Protein backbone atom coordinates (compact mmCIF):
# COMPACT_ATOMS: atom_id res chain seq x y z
CA MET A 1 -36.33 74.75 0.25
CA LEU A 2 -33.51 75.00 2.77
CA HIS A 3 -30.22 76.47 1.63
CA ALA A 4 -27.49 78.60 3.07
CA VAL A 5 -28.70 81.22 5.55
CA PRO A 6 -28.80 84.13 3.02
CA GLN A 7 -30.83 82.05 0.54
CA THR A 8 -33.18 80.84 3.26
CA LYS A 9 -33.78 84.44 4.35
CA GLU A 10 -34.41 85.45 0.74
CA HIS A 11 -36.94 82.63 0.24
CA ARG A 12 -38.55 83.42 3.60
CA ASP A 13 -38.98 87.05 2.59
CA ARG A 14 -40.31 86.04 -0.85
CA LEU A 15 -42.98 83.90 0.84
CA GLN A 16 -43.75 86.81 3.20
CA CYS A 17 -42.97 84.80 6.33
CA VAL A 18 -42.08 86.96 9.31
CA THR A 19 -39.95 84.36 11.11
CA THR A 20 -37.89 81.35 10.16
CA THR A 21 -40.31 79.18 12.14
CA ALA A 22 -43.18 80.45 9.99
CA TYR A 23 -41.10 79.71 6.90
CA LEU A 24 -40.43 76.15 8.07
CA ARG A 25 -44.13 75.64 8.73
CA ALA A 26 -44.96 76.96 5.25
CA THR A 27 -42.42 74.69 3.56
CA ALA A 28 -42.94 71.62 5.77
CA PRO A 29 -45.27 69.82 3.32
CA VAL A 30 -42.67 70.04 0.54
CA LEU A 31 -39.86 68.91 2.85
CA VAL A 32 -41.89 65.98 4.19
CA ALA A 33 -42.88 64.93 0.67
CA ALA A 34 -39.24 65.05 -0.46
CA VAL A 35 -38.09 62.90 2.46
CA MET A 36 -40.89 60.42 1.78
CA MET A 37 -40.00 60.24 -1.92
CA VAL A 38 -36.34 59.55 -1.09
CA GLY A 39 -37.42 56.81 1.32
CA ILE A 40 -39.79 55.20 -1.17
CA VAL A 41 -37.35 55.30 -4.06
CA GLY A 42 -34.52 54.06 -1.85
CA GLY A 43 -36.71 51.23 -0.57
CA LEU A 44 -37.71 50.21 -4.08
CA LEU A 45 -34.14 50.27 -5.32
CA LEU A 46 -32.97 48.18 -2.37
CA ARG A 47 -35.75 45.68 -2.99
CA TRP A 48 -34.83 45.20 -6.67
CA ASP A 49 -31.05 45.50 -6.32
CA LEU A 50 -29.91 43.62 -3.22
CA SER A 51 -26.30 44.79 -3.71
CA GLY A 52 -27.38 48.25 -2.56
CA VAL A 53 -28.15 51.63 -4.02
CA ARG A 54 -25.30 52.74 -6.25
């Protein structure tokens, strides 16, 4: 959801958010879910493969 500034502005306008703060609030659930998924998958991989994530 976050890209270079021009892409972020384009996505913000597409979602009809007036400010970047409003855009971040609108996309926060997706960003939080993505971070959680990376954490869960990373944790599972580290648990099964003790040599580390490759």
